Amino acid sequence: MKHAMILMTILAIAACGGKKKPVPVEPKEPDTDSATANDGKKAPAEPAEPAPPPPPPAPKSWHAKAELAPVKGVKIKSATVTFAQEEGQPVTVGSTGWFEGIKSGKYHLVVHDGADCGPNATKAGKPMATGDIPFTAAKGMDSLDVGKVDTLQLDGDGAIVGHTLVLHDDKKGKPGKALACGPIAGGE
């Protein structure tokens, strides 16, 4: 009987597994951020946001100047007329310095087709059709600020660089006597 009892104990242990039952583990939810799907296959990659387009290039800009010296017999000081243009915009005309000694009144800055002034602006050439810039001088002015001029350009066909700029007095609304002259040079 002793053997029977031992045998029953062994059978009972074998039937129960002989060990403690493991604690059940709750199933995990699938990880949607992982690179693989349930079947071990790679999940399709989400399309990346397209890179923004590169910014457009900065507009080109050009600068020019003409150092106008008085012609013989005219008692005004030299001044430098400046030109600036951004791509697609009109030319801005101003000056550094002023024609000290000039009287109040109407004047014209005129682009001529020549490349050199010569004595008394005699080699300046003919006035260019698009190159008349009328302005009014007033007492106390220390610089010229004509503003934007649509008829001039600093680049391409018809550019004023390489031509001459002549300061004329006004004769009945048109350019009169030459007072100062200088070549127009491109630059900063």
Foldseek 3Di string as FASTA:
>chain_A
DVVVVVVVVVVVCVVVVVDDDDDDDDDDDDDPPDQADPVRHGDDDDDDDDDDDDDDDAWDKWKKKWFKCWAPPFPWHIWIWIWMDTPPFFIWIKTQWDRPPDAWFKKWKFWAAFQDQPHQRPRLHHTDPLGIQMDTDDPPDTMGGSTGRRSADCDDPRHSARHKIFMAGDDPNDGDGTTIMGHMHIDD
